[in-house]
Amino acid sequence: MKKLLSCLVAGAGIGAAAWWIRGIRSEDNAFRSLLRGLTVGPNPEEVLHRIAERAARLVNGTAAYVERLDAERDEIVAAAVHGGQDLPAVGARGPYKGSVAEQVIHHP
């Protein structure tokens, strides 16, 4: 359940970023578009994949990926990838310190 909740929080964060980037006038419509159907899935990994796919579509992008924080190892982990050739593979790890994820978490 905790992992699924993290997926939904990530989806909401991606929706907010997409709304800002595209200048969408109706925040409700942006979130509805991104979150429609995301809360139902066979497993959390599928939900994360849907978040990445819909986030890319929402900003007219060709690729997107979702990261999660592994606080025990102080690393970020690519949790889902959609499209693109230069994106990290699912499971790829990197340092949390100095990452974009750290900046977003500490300076919203």
N, C-alpha and C. Protein backbone atom coordinates (compact mmCIF):
# COMPACT_ATOMS: atom_id res chain seq x y z
N MET A 1 0.83 -1.20 0.00
CA MET A 1 0.00 0.00 0.00
C MET A 1 0.87 1.25 0.00
N LYS A 2 1.97 1.24 0.77
CA LYS A 2 2.87 2.38 0.82
C LYS A 2 3.47 2.67 -0.54
N LYS A 3 3.84 1.59 -1.28
CA LYS A 3 4.41 1.76 -2.61
C LYS A 3 3.39 2.35 -3.57
N LEU A 4 2.15 1.89 -3.48
CA LEU A 4 1.09 2.42 -4.34
C LEU A 4 0.84 3.88 -4.02
N LEU A 5 0.84 4.24 -2.75
CA LEU A 5 0.65 5.64 -2.37
C LEU A 5 1.78 6.49 -2.94
N SER A 6 3.01 5.99 -2.91
CA SER A 6 4.13 6.72 -3.50
C SER A 6 3.91 6.92 -4.99
N CYS A 7 3.36 5.91 -5.66
CA CYS A 7 3.07 6.02 -7.09
C CYS A 7 2.08 7.15 -7.35
N LEU A 8 1.05 7.22 -6.54
CA LEU A 8 0.03 8.24 -6.73
C LEU A 8 0.58 9.62 -6.42
N VAL A 9 1.43 9.73 -5.41
CA VAL A 9 2.06 11.02 -5.10
C VAL A 9 2.95 11.44 -6.25
N ALA A 10 3.71 10.50 -6.82
CA ALA A 10 4.55 10.82 -7.97
C ALA A 10 3.69 11.30 -9.14
N GLY A 11 2.55 10.64 -9.34
CA GLY A 11 1.65 11.05 -10.43
C GLY A 11 1.14 12.46 -10.23
N ALA A 12 0.79 12.79 -9.02
CA ALA A 12 0.31 14.14 -8.74
C ALA A 12 1.41 15.16 -8.97
N GLY A 13 2.64 14.82 -8.58
CA GLY A 13 3.76 15.74 -8.82
C GLY A 13 4.03 15.94 -10.29
N ILE A 14 3.97 14.87 -11.08
CA ILE A 14 4.17 14.97 -12.52
C ILE A 14 3.05 15.80 -13.13
N GLY A 15 1.83 15.59 -12.66
CA GLY A 15 0.70 16.38 -13.18
C GLY A 15 0.89 17.86 -12.91
N ALA A 16 1.37 18.20 -11.73
CA ALA A 16 1.60 19.61 -11.40
C ALA A 16 2.68 20.20 -12.28
N ALA A 17 3.75 19.46 -12.53
CA ALA A 17 4.83 19.95 -13.39
C ALA A 17 4.33 20.14 -14.82
N ALA A 18 3.55 19.19 -15.31
CA ALA A 18 3.03 19.29 -16.67
C ALA A 18 2.10 20.50 -16.80
N TRP A 19 1.29 20.73 -15.80
CA TRP A 19 0.37 21.88 -15.81
C TRP A 19 1.17 23.18 -15.93
N TRP A 20 2.24 23.28 -15.19
CA TRP A 20 3.05 24.50 -15.21
C TRP A 20 3.77 24.64 -16.54
N ILE A 21 4.36 23.56 -17.04
CA ILE A 21 5.14 23.62 -18.28
C ILE A 21 4.27 24.02 -19.46
N ARG A 22 3.13 23.44 -19.60
CA ARG A 22 2.26 23.72 -20.75
C ARG A 22 1.38 24.93 -20.56
N GLY A 23 1.35 25.48 -19.37
CA GLY A 23 0.50 26.63 -19.11
C GLY A 23 -0.98 26.26 -19.18
N ILE A 24 -1.29 25.06 -18.77
CA ILE A 24 -2.69 24.61 -18.81
C ILE A 24 -3.52 25.49 -17.89
N ARG A 25 -4.59 26.01 -18.41
CA ARG A 25 -5.41 26.93 -17.63
C ARG A 25 -6.24 26.21 -16.57
N SER A 26 -6.63 25.02 -16.84
CA SER A 26 -7.48 24.31 -15.88
C SER A 26 -6.69 23.19 -15.22
N GLU A 27 -6.28 23.44 -13.99
CA GLU A 27 -5.52 22.44 -13.25
C GLU A 27 -6.33 21.16 -13.09
N ASP A 28 -7.60 21.28 -12.88
CA ASP A 28 -8.45 20.09 -12.72
C ASP A 28 -8.38 19.20 -13.95
N ASN A 29 -8.46 19.77 -15.14
CA ASN A 29 -8.41 18.97 -16.36
C ASN A 29 -7.07 18.27 -16.52
N ALA A 30 -5.98 18.93 -16.18
CA ALA A 30 -4.65 18.33 -16.29
C ALA A 30 -4.54 17.13 -15.37
N PHE A 31 -4.97 17.30 -14.12
CA PHE A 31 -4.89 16.18 -13.17
C PHE A 31 -5.82 15.05 -13.57
N ARG A 32 -7.00 15.38 -14.02
CA ARG A 32 -7.94 14.32 -14.45
C ARG A 32 -7.35 13.52 -15.59
N SER A 33 -6.75 14.21 -16.55
CA SER A 33 -6.16 13.53 -17.70
C SER A 33 -5.03 12.59 -17.27
N LEU A 34 -4.19 13.07 -16.38
CA LEU A 34 -3.06 12.25 -15.94
C LEU A 34 -3.49 11.10 -15.05
N LEU A 35 -4.39 11.35 -14.12
CA LEU A 35 -4.73 10.37 -13.11
C LEU A 35 -5.84 9.40 -13.50
N ARG A 36 -6.54 9.68 -14.61
CA ARG A 36 -7.64 8.81 -15.03
C ARG A 36 -7.15 7.37 -15.20
N GLY A 37 -7.65 6.49 -14.40
CA GLY A 37 -7.31 5.09 -14.51
C GLY A 37 -6.02 4.69 -13.82
N LEU A 38 -5.32 5.61 -13.21
CA LEU A 38 -4.04 5.25 -12.61
C LEU A 38 -4.17 4.51 -11.29
N THR A 39 -5.26 4.67 -10.63
CA THR A 39 -5.39 4.06 -9.30
C THR A 39 -5.74 2.59 -9.38
N VAL A 40 -6.01 2.09 -10.56
CA VAL A 40 -6.35 0.69 -10.72
C VAL A 40 -5.29 0.05 -11.60
N GLY A 41 -4.71 -1.02 -11.11
CA GLY A 41 -3.71 -1.73 -11.89
C GLY A 41 -3.35 -3.03 -11.21
N PRO A 42 -2.75 -3.92 -11.96
CA PRO A 42 -2.42 -5.22 -11.39
C PRO A 42 -1.32 -5.15 -10.33
N ASN A 43 -0.46 -4.11 -10.41
CA ASN A 43 0.64 -3.99 -9.45
C ASN A 43 1.17 -2.55 -9.48
N PRO A 44 1.95 -2.17 -8.47
CA PRO A 44 2.47 -0.79 -8.43
C PRO A 44 3.39 -0.45 -9.61
N GLU A 45 4.12 -1.42 -10.13
CA GLU A 45 5.00 -1.16 -11.27
C GLU A 45 4.21 -0.73 -12.50
N GLU A 46 3.05 -1.35 -12.71
CA GLU A 46 2.20 -0.97 -13.84
C GLU A 46 1.66 0.44 -13.65
N VAL A 47 1.31 0.79 -12.43
CA VAL A 47 0.83 2.15 -12.15
C VAL A 47 1.94 3.15 -12.44
N LEU A 48 3.16 2.87 -12.03
CA LEU A 48 4.28 3.77 -12.31
C LEU A 48 4.53 3.92 -13.81
N HIS A 49 4.43 2.80 -14.53
CA HIS A 49 4.60 2.88 -15.99
C HIS A 49 3.54 3.78 -16.62
N ARG A 50 2.31 3.65 -16.17
CA ARG A 50 1.23 4.50 -16.68
C ARG A 50 1.50 5.97 -16.37
N ILE A 51 2.03 6.25 -15.18
CA ILE A 51 2.36 7.63 -14.82
C ILE A 51 3.40 8.19 -15.78
N ALA A 52 4.45 7.43 -16.05
CA ALA A 52 5.50 7.89 -16.97
C ALA A 52 4.93 8.12 -18.37
N GLU A 53 4.14 7.18 -18.85
CA GLU A 53 3.57 7.29 -20.20
C GLU A 53 2.65 8.50 -20.32
N ARG A 54 1.78 8.68 -19.35
CA ARG A 54 0.82 9.78 -19.42
C ARG A 54 1.49 11.13 -19.17
N ALA A 55 2.51 11.16 -18.36
CA ALA A 55 3.24 12.41 -18.15
C ALA A 55 3.89 12.86 -19.45
N ALA A 56 4.50 11.94 -20.18
CA ALA A 56 5.10 12.28 -21.47
C ALA A 56 4.04 12.79 -22.43
N ARG A 57 2.92 12.12 -22.47
CA ARG A 57 1.84 12.53 -23.38
C ARG A 57 1.28 13.90 -22.98
N LEU A 58 1.16 14.16 -21.69
CA LEU A 58 0.58 15.40 -21.21
C LEU A 58 1.40 16.62 -21.63
N VAL A 59 2.71 16.47 -21.72
CA VAL A 59 3.56 17.60 -22.11
C VAL A 59 4.03 17.49 -23.57
N ASN A 60 3.36 16.61 -24.33
CA ASN A 60 3.72 16.36 -25.72
C ASN A 60 5.17 15.93 -25.86
N GLY A 61 5.64 15.17 -24.89
CA GLY A 61 7.01 14.65 -24.92
C GLY A 61 7.05 13.26 -25.51
N THR A 62 8.26 12.80 -25.77
CA THR A 62 8.43 11.46 -26.34
C THR A 62 8.88 10.45 -25.28
N ALA A 63 9.28 10.95 -24.12
CA ALA A 63 9.78 10.05 -23.09
C ALA A 63 9.62 10.68 -21.71
N ALA A 64 9.59 9.81 -20.71
CA ALA A 64 9.54 10.26 -19.32
C ALA A 64 9.95 9.08 -18.45
N TYR A 65 10.42 9.40 -17.26
CA TYR A 65 10.68 8.34 -16.30
C TYR A 65 10.35 8.82 -14.90
N VAL A 66 10.10 7.84 -14.03
CA VAL A 66 9.73 8.11 -12.65
C VAL A 66 10.84 7.55 -11.77
N GLU A 67 11.26 8.36 -10.82
CA GLU A 67 12.27 7.90 -9.87
C GLU A 67 11.64 7.72 -8.51
N ARG A 68 12.24 6.87 -7.71
CA ARG A 68 11.85 6.74 -6.31
C ARG A 68 13.11 6.90 -5.48
N LEU A 69 12.91 7.30 -4.25
CA LEU A 69 14.02 7.50 -3.33
C LEU A 69 14.23 6.25 -2.49
N ASP A 70 15.45 5.73 -2.50
CA ASP A 70 15.83 4.65 -1.60
C ASP A 70 16.57 5.32 -0.45
N ALA A 71 15.83 5.68 0.59
CA ALA A 71 16.39 6.45 1.71
C ALA A 71 17.45 5.65 2.47
N GLU A 72 17.31 4.35 2.53
CA GLU A 72 18.29 3.54 3.25
C GLU A 72 19.67 3.60 2.60
N ARG A 73 19.70 3.69 1.29
CA ARG A 73 20.98 3.73 0.57
C ARG A 73 21.33 5.14 0.09
N ASP A 74 20.45 6.11 0.37
CA ASP A 74 20.65 7.49 -0.05
C ASP A 74 20.85 7.58 -1.57
N GLU A 75 19.98 6.87 -2.29
CA GLU A 75 20.05 6.83 -3.75
C GLU A 75 18.67 7.05 -4.36
N ILE A 76 18.67 7.46 -5.63
CA ILE A 76 17.44 7.48 -6.40
C ILE A 76 17.47 6.28 -7.34
N VAL A 77 16.29 5.75 -7.63
CA VAL A 77 16.18 4.55 -8.45
C VAL A 77 15.15 4.82 -9.54
N ALA A 78 15.50 4.52 -10.79
CA ALA A 78 14.54 4.64 -11.88
C ALA A 78 13.48 3.55 -11.69
N ALA A 79 12.25 3.97 -11.45
CA ALA A 79 11.18 3.03 -11.14
C ALA A 79 10.32 2.68 -12.35
N ALA A 80 10.25 3.59 -13.34
CA ALA A 80 9.47 3.34 -14.55
C ALA A 80 10.02 4.21 -15.67
N VAL A 81 10.00 3.68 -16.88
CA VAL A 81 10.53 4.40 -18.03
C VAL A 81 9.54 4.25 -19.18
N HIS A 82 9.33 5.35 -19.90
CA HIS A 82 8.47 5.31 -21.08
C HIS A 82 9.19 6.01 -22.23
N GLY A 83 9.41 5.29 -23.34
CA GLY A 83 10.00 5.87 -24.53
C GLY A 83 11.45 6.27 -24.34
N GLY A 84 12.00 6.91 -25.36
CA GLY A 84 13.35 7.45 -25.28
C GLY A 84 14.45 6.42 -25.28
N GLN A 85 15.60 6.80 -25.82
CA GLN A 85 16.74 5.90 -25.88
C GLN A 85 17.80 6.25 -24.84
N ASP A 86 17.82 7.48 -24.38
CA ASP A 86 18.85 7.93 -23.46
C ASP A 86 18.40 7.98 -22.01
N LEU A 87 17.33 7.29 -21.72
CA LEU A 87 16.82 7.26 -20.35
C LEU A 87 17.45 6.10 -19.59
N PRO A 88 17.52 6.22 -18.27
CA PRO A 88 18.06 5.11 -17.50
C PRO A 88 17.14 3.90 -17.56
N ALA A 89 17.71 2.73 -17.41
CA ALA A 89 16.90 1.51 -17.37
C ALA A 89 16.21 1.42 -16.02
N VAL A 90 15.06 0.76 -16.00
CA VAL A 90 14.37 0.52 -14.72
C VAL A 90 15.35 -0.18 -13.79
N GLY A 91 15.45 0.33 -12.58
CA GLY A 91 16.36 -0.24 -11.60
C GLY A 91 17.71 0.47 -11.51
N ALA A 92 18.00 1.34 -12.50
CA ALA A 92 19.27 2.08 -12.46
C ALA A 92 19.29 2.98 -11.23
N ARG A 93 20.44 3.07 -10.60
CA ARG A 93 20.58 3.83 -9.36
C ARG A 93 21.56 4.98 -9.56
N GLY A 94 21.34 6.02 -8.77
CA GLY A 94 22.25 7.15 -8.77
C GLY A 94 22.24 7.81 -7.41
N PRO A 95 23.19 8.68 -7.16
CA PRO A 95 23.24 9.34 -5.86
C PRO A 95 22.08 10.31 -5.69
N TYR A 96 21.52 10.32 -4.49
CA TYR A 96 20.45 11.26 -4.18
C TYR A 96 21.02 12.67 -4.00
N LYS A 97 22.15 12.77 -3.32
CA LYS A 97 22.78 14.08 -3.08
C LYS A 97 23.14 14.73 -4.41
N GLY A 98 22.65 15.95 -4.61
CA GLY A 98 22.94 16.69 -5.83
C GLY A 98 22.03 16.36 -7.00
N SER A 99 21.07 15.47 -6.80
CA SER A 99 20.17 15.09 -7.90
C SER A 99 19.04 16.10 -8.06
N VAL A 100 18.39 16.06 -9.21
CA VAL A 100 17.22 16.90 -9.43
C VAL A 100 16.13 16.52 -8.43
N ALA A 101 15.99 15.24 -8.13
CA ALA A 101 15.00 14.80 -7.15
C ALA A 101 15.22 15.47 -5.80
N GLU A 102 16.47 15.57 -5.37
CA GLU A 102 16.77 16.23 -4.10
C GLU A 102 16.36 17.69 -4.15
N GLN A 103 16.63 18.37 -5.25
CA GLN A 103 16.26 19.77 -5.39
C GLN A 103 14.75 19.95 -5.32
N VAL A 104 14.02 19.08 -5.99
CA VAL A 104 12.55 19.19 -6.00
C VAL A 104 11.98 18.93 -4.61
N ILE A 105 12.52 17.94 -3.92
CA ILE A 105 12.01 17.60 -2.60
C ILE A 105 12.30 18.71 -1.59
N HIS A 106 13.48 19.30 -1.66
CA HIS A 106 13.87 20.29 -0.66
C HIS A 106 13.54 21.74 -1.04
N HIS A 107 13.24 21.99 -2.30
CA HIS A 107 12.93 23.35 -2.75
C HIS A 107 11.74 23.34 -3.69
N PRO A 108 10.56 23.02 -3.15
CA PRO A 108 9.38 22.92 -4.03
C PRO A 108 9.04 24.22 -4.59
